N, C-alpha and C. Protein backbone atom coordinates (compact mmCIF):
# COMPACT_ATOMS: atom_id res chain seq x y z
N UNK A 1 57.57 -25.74 93.93
CA UNK A 1 56.84 -24.51 93.65
C UNK A 1 56.29 -23.88 94.93
N UNK A 2 56.31 -24.63 96.01
CA UNK A 2 55.81 -24.12 97.29
C UNK A 2 56.54 -22.84 97.71
N UNK A 3 57.86 -22.85 97.53
CA UNK A 3 58.67 -21.68 97.88
C UNK A 3 58.19 -20.45 97.11
N UNK A 4 58.00 -20.61 95.80
CA UNK A 4 57.56 -19.48 94.97
C UNK A 4 56.16 -19.03 95.34
N UNK A 5 55.28 -19.98 95.62
CA UNK A 5 53.91 -19.65 96.02
C UNK A 5 53.91 -18.84 97.32
N UNK A 6 54.71 -19.29 98.29
CA UNK A 6 54.79 -18.57 99.57
C UNK A 6 55.34 -17.16 99.38
N UNK A 7 56.39 -17.02 98.57
CA UNK A 7 56.98 -15.70 98.31
C UNK A 7 55.98 -14.79 97.61
N UNK A 8 55.24 -15.34 96.64
CA UNK A 8 54.26 -14.53 95.91
C UNK A 8 53.15 -14.05 96.86
N UNK A 9 52.67 -14.93 97.72
CA UNK A 9 51.62 -14.54 98.66
C UNK A 9 52.13 -13.53 99.67
N UNK A 10 53.38 -13.65 100.06
CA UNK A 10 53.98 -12.74 101.03
C UNK A 10 54.21 -11.35 100.43
N UNK A 11 54.74 -11.30 99.20
CA UNK A 11 55.13 -10.03 98.59
C UNK A 11 54.11 -9.48 97.61
N UNK A 12 53.33 -10.35 96.98
CA UNK A 12 52.40 -9.92 95.94
C UNK A 12 53.04 -9.91 94.56
N UNK A 13 54.30 -10.30 94.47
CA UNK A 13 55.05 -10.38 93.22
C UNK A 13 56.26 -11.28 93.44
N UNK A 14 56.93 -11.64 92.36
CA UNK A 14 58.18 -12.41 92.43
C UNK A 14 59.26 -11.66 91.68
N UNK A 15 60.51 -11.82 92.12
CA UNK A 15 61.63 -11.18 91.44
C UNK A 15 62.37 -12.20 90.59
N UNK A 16 63.08 -11.69 89.60
CA UNK A 16 63.89 -12.58 88.76
C UNK A 16 64.92 -13.32 89.59
N UNK A 17 65.51 -12.64 90.57
CA UNK A 17 66.51 -13.29 91.42
C UNK A 17 65.90 -14.47 92.19
N UNK A 18 64.66 -14.33 92.65
CA UNK A 18 64.00 -15.43 93.35
C UNK A 18 63.77 -16.61 92.40
N UNK A 19 63.39 -16.32 91.16
CA UNK A 19 63.18 -17.38 90.18
C UNK A 19 64.48 -18.09 89.83
N UNK A 20 65.54 -17.30 89.65
CA UNK A 20 66.84 -17.90 89.33
C UNK A 20 67.33 -18.78 90.47
N UNK A 21 67.16 -18.32 91.70
CA UNK A 21 67.57 -19.11 92.87
C UNK A 21 66.77 -20.41 92.94
N UNK A 22 65.47 -20.32 92.73
CA UNK A 22 64.61 -21.50 92.76
C UNK A 22 65.03 -22.50 91.68
N UNK A 23 65.25 -22.02 90.47
CA UNK A 23 65.64 -22.90 89.37
C UNK A 23 66.97 -23.59 89.66
N UNK A 24 67.93 -22.83 90.15
CA UNK A 24 69.25 -23.38 90.47
C UNK A 24 69.16 -24.44 91.57
N UNK A 25 68.42 -24.14 92.63
CA UNK A 25 68.30 -25.06 93.76
C UNK A 25 67.55 -26.34 93.40
N UNK A 26 66.71 -26.28 92.37
CA UNK A 26 65.91 -27.44 92.00
C UNK A 26 66.37 -28.10 90.70
N UNK A 27 67.46 -27.60 90.13
CA UNK A 27 68.04 -28.20 88.94
C UNK A 27 67.13 -28.13 87.71
N UNK A 28 66.39 -27.04 87.59
CA UNK A 28 65.53 -26.87 86.42
C UNK A 28 65.86 -25.56 85.73
N UNK A 29 65.38 -25.42 84.53
CA UNK A 29 65.67 -24.25 83.72
C UNK A 29 64.93 -23.01 84.25
N UNK A 30 65.66 -21.90 84.33
CA UNK A 30 65.06 -20.62 84.71
C UNK A 30 63.97 -20.23 83.72
N UNK A 31 64.24 -20.45 82.43
CA UNK A 31 63.27 -20.10 81.39
C UNK A 31 61.96 -20.88 81.56
N UNK A 32 62.07 -22.14 81.97
CA UNK A 32 60.87 -22.96 82.19
C UNK A 32 60.06 -22.41 83.36
N UNK A 33 60.74 -22.09 84.45
CA UNK A 33 60.05 -21.54 85.62
C UNK A 33 59.37 -20.23 85.24
N UNK A 34 60.09 -19.38 84.54
CA UNK A 34 59.55 -18.08 84.11
C UNK A 34 58.33 -18.26 83.21
N UNK A 35 58.39 -19.20 82.27
CA UNK A 35 57.27 -19.45 81.35
C UNK A 35 56.04 -19.94 82.10
N UNK A 36 56.22 -20.89 83.00
CA UNK A 36 55.08 -21.44 83.76
C UNK A 36 54.41 -20.33 84.56
N UNK A 37 55.19 -19.53 85.25
CA UNK A 37 54.63 -18.45 86.07
C UNK A 37 53.96 -17.39 85.19
N UNK A 38 54.57 -17.08 84.07
CA UNK A 38 53.98 -16.11 83.14
C UNK A 38 52.64 -16.62 82.61
N UNK A 39 52.58 -17.90 82.28
CA UNK A 39 51.32 -18.50 81.81
C UNK A 39 50.24 -18.45 82.88
N UNK A 40 50.65 -18.48 84.13
CA UNK A 40 49.70 -18.39 85.24
C UNK A 40 49.32 -16.95 85.57
N UNK A 41 49.94 -15.99 84.88
CA UNK A 41 49.62 -14.58 85.09
C UNK A 41 50.33 -13.96 86.28
N UNK A 42 51.39 -14.58 86.75
CA UNK A 42 52.13 -14.06 87.89
C UNK A 42 53.19 -13.09 87.39
N UNK A 43 53.21 -11.91 87.96
CA UNK A 43 54.14 -10.85 87.58
C UNK A 43 55.54 -11.16 88.07
N UNK A 44 56.52 -10.86 87.24
CA UNK A 44 57.92 -11.03 87.59
C UNK A 44 58.56 -9.65 87.52
N UNK A 45 59.29 -9.27 88.56
CA UNK A 45 59.85 -7.93 88.67
C UNK A 45 61.36 -7.96 88.77
N UNK A 46 61.97 -6.86 88.34
CA UNK A 46 63.38 -6.59 88.56
C UNK A 46 63.46 -5.61 89.72
N UNK A 47 64.31 -5.90 90.68
CA UNK A 47 64.51 -4.97 91.79
C UNK A 47 65.78 -4.17 91.49
N UNK A 48 65.62 -2.87 91.42
CA UNK A 48 66.74 -1.98 91.14
C UNK A 48 67.52 -1.73 92.43
N UNK A 49 68.80 -1.38 92.32
CA UNK A 49 69.63 -1.16 93.50
C UNK A 49 69.06 -0.16 94.51
N UNK A 50 68.33 0.84 94.05
CA UNK A 50 67.79 1.85 94.96
C UNK A 50 66.52 1.37 95.64
N UNK A 51 66.12 0.11 95.42
CA UNK A 51 64.91 -0.41 96.02
C UNK A 51 63.67 -0.13 95.19
N UNK A 52 63.87 0.47 94.03
CA UNK A 52 62.77 0.79 93.15
C UNK A 52 62.36 -0.48 92.39
N UNK A 53 61.07 -0.72 92.28
CA UNK A 53 60.57 -1.91 91.60
C UNK A 53 60.12 -1.56 90.20
N UNK A 54 60.54 -2.37 89.24
CA UNK A 54 60.15 -2.14 87.84
C UNK A 54 59.57 -3.42 87.27
N UNK A 55 58.41 -3.33 86.69
CA UNK A 55 57.77 -4.50 86.09
C UNK A 55 58.38 -4.79 84.73
N UNK A 56 58.36 -6.07 84.36
CA UNK A 56 58.84 -6.45 83.03
C UNK A 56 57.72 -6.36 82.01
N UNK A 57 56.53 -5.94 82.42
CA UNK A 57 55.38 -5.96 81.52
C UNK A 57 54.90 -4.57 81.07
N UNK A 58 55.61 -3.51 81.41
CA UNK A 58 55.22 -2.18 80.94
C UNK A 58 54.83 -1.25 82.06
N UNK A 59 54.33 -0.08 81.69
CA UNK A 59 54.01 0.96 82.67
C UNK A 59 52.73 0.69 83.43
N UNK A 60 51.76 0.04 82.79
CA UNK A 60 50.48 -0.25 83.44
C UNK A 60 50.29 -1.75 83.61
N UNK A 61 49.62 -2.12 84.68
CA UNK A 61 49.33 -3.53 84.93
C UNK A 61 48.36 -4.07 83.90
N UNK A 62 48.45 -5.37 83.67
CA UNK A 62 47.48 -6.05 82.82
C UNK A 62 46.63 -6.95 83.70
N UNK A 63 45.39 -7.15 83.31
CA UNK A 63 44.48 -8.03 84.04
C UNK A 63 45.02 -9.45 83.96
N UNK A 64 45.12 -10.13 85.11
CA UNK A 64 45.65 -11.49 85.12
C UNK A 64 44.69 -12.50 84.51
N UNK A 65 43.43 -12.12 84.32
CA UNK A 65 42.46 -13.04 83.73
C UNK A 65 42.33 -12.85 82.22
N UNK A 66 42.09 -11.64 81.77
CA UNK A 66 41.84 -11.42 80.34
C UNK A 66 43.02 -10.81 79.60
N UNK A 67 44.02 -10.30 80.33
CA UNK A 67 45.20 -9.71 79.71
C UNK A 67 45.05 -8.27 79.27
N UNK A 68 43.87 -7.68 79.49
CA UNK A 68 43.61 -6.29 79.11
C UNK A 68 44.44 -5.33 79.97
N UNK A 69 44.97 -4.29 79.35
CA UNK A 69 45.72 -3.26 80.08
C UNK A 69 44.75 -2.53 81.01
N UNK A 70 45.15 -2.36 82.27
CA UNK A 70 44.31 -1.65 83.24
C UNK A 70 44.79 -0.22 83.36
N UNK A 71 44.09 0.57 84.14
CA UNK A 71 44.51 1.95 84.37
C UNK A 71 45.35 2.07 85.64
N UNK A 72 45.83 0.94 86.15
CA UNK A 72 46.64 0.91 87.37
C UNK A 72 48.12 0.90 87.00
N UNK A 73 48.85 1.89 87.47
CA UNK A 73 50.28 1.96 87.19
C UNK A 73 51.01 0.87 87.96
N UNK A 74 52.04 0.34 87.34
CA UNK A 74 52.86 -0.71 87.95
C UNK A 74 53.45 -0.23 89.27
N UNK A 75 53.77 1.04 89.34
CA UNK A 75 54.39 1.61 90.54
C UNK A 75 53.42 1.80 91.70
N UNK A 76 52.12 1.67 91.46
CA UNK A 76 51.10 1.85 92.50
C UNK A 76 51.22 0.73 93.53
N UNK A 77 51.25 1.10 94.81
CA UNK A 77 51.33 0.09 95.87
C UNK A 77 50.06 -0.76 95.87
N UNK A 78 50.25 -2.05 96.13
CA UNK A 78 49.14 -3.01 96.10
C UNK A 78 48.01 -2.59 97.06
N UNK A 79 48.36 -2.05 98.21
CA UNK A 79 47.36 -1.65 99.20
C UNK A 79 46.45 -0.53 98.71
N UNK A 80 46.91 0.25 97.74
CA UNK A 80 46.14 1.39 97.24
C UNK A 80 45.39 1.11 95.95
N UNK A 81 45.48 -0.12 95.45
CA UNK A 81 44.89 -0.45 94.15
C UNK A 81 43.42 -0.86 94.25
N UNK A 82 42.68 -0.48 93.22
CA UNK A 82 41.32 -0.99 93.06
C UNK A 82 41.41 -2.26 92.24
N UNK A 83 40.51 -3.19 92.49
CA UNK A 83 40.38 -4.43 91.73
C UNK A 83 41.59 -5.35 91.85
N UNK A 84 42.36 -5.23 92.95
CA UNK A 84 43.49 -6.13 93.19
C UNK A 84 43.04 -7.22 94.15
N UNK A 85 43.37 -8.47 93.82
CA UNK A 85 43.01 -9.61 94.68
C UNK A 85 44.29 -10.27 95.15
N UNK A 86 44.51 -10.29 96.47
CA UNK A 86 45.70 -10.89 97.03
C UNK A 86 45.79 -12.36 96.65
N UNK A 87 46.99 -12.77 96.22
CA UNK A 87 47.21 -14.15 95.81
C UNK A 87 46.81 -14.43 94.37
N UNK A 88 46.13 -13.47 93.75
CA UNK A 88 45.70 -13.62 92.35
C UNK A 88 46.41 -12.57 91.50
N UNK A 89 46.24 -11.30 91.85
CA UNK A 89 46.88 -10.22 91.12
C UNK A 89 45.89 -9.15 90.72
N UNK A 90 46.32 -8.31 89.79
CA UNK A 90 45.52 -7.18 89.32
C UNK A 90 44.48 -7.64 88.32
N UNK A 91 43.25 -7.19 88.52
CA UNK A 91 42.15 -7.49 87.60
C UNK A 91 41.65 -6.18 86.99
N UNK A 92 41.07 -6.28 85.81
CA UNK A 92 40.38 -5.12 85.25
C UNK A 92 39.02 -5.02 85.94
N UNK A 93 38.35 -3.90 85.78
CA UNK A 93 37.06 -3.68 86.42
C UNK A 93 36.05 -4.75 86.04
N UNK A 94 36.00 -5.11 84.75
CA UNK A 94 35.02 -6.07 84.27
C UNK A 94 35.22 -7.44 84.89
N UNK A 95 36.47 -7.94 84.87
CA UNK A 95 36.74 -9.26 85.46
C UNK A 95 36.51 -9.27 86.97
N UNK A 96 36.85 -8.16 87.63
CA UNK A 96 36.63 -8.05 89.07
C UNK A 96 35.15 -8.15 89.39
N UNK A 97 34.34 -7.45 88.60
CA UNK A 97 32.90 -7.46 88.85
C UNK A 97 32.27 -8.82 88.54
N UNK A 98 32.86 -9.57 87.59
CA UNK A 98 32.37 -10.92 87.29
C UNK A 98 32.60 -11.88 88.43
N UNK A 99 33.68 -11.66 89.17
CA UNK A 99 33.98 -12.53 90.31
C UNK A 99 33.03 -12.22 91.43
């Protein structure tokens, strides 16, 4: 999981291709890797040929702690987001203020 952790910290997200590569190289199920990361609240993205990033979770981000839909669009760059914590993900205002 070190590889995936490093990629997530570097990029702020993981792609399906990265998960598939990790699963293949480690002889484990892609679905298992995807489920574990999803349970941890880590976003998984599809990279389109034009370099456009599309989330598998909808148009708006969800809070990684409570699961509430935020007002942050998936397409918004991480550097421009409010309530985003590097290495953790997008939080709603309430969860961010609790931290």
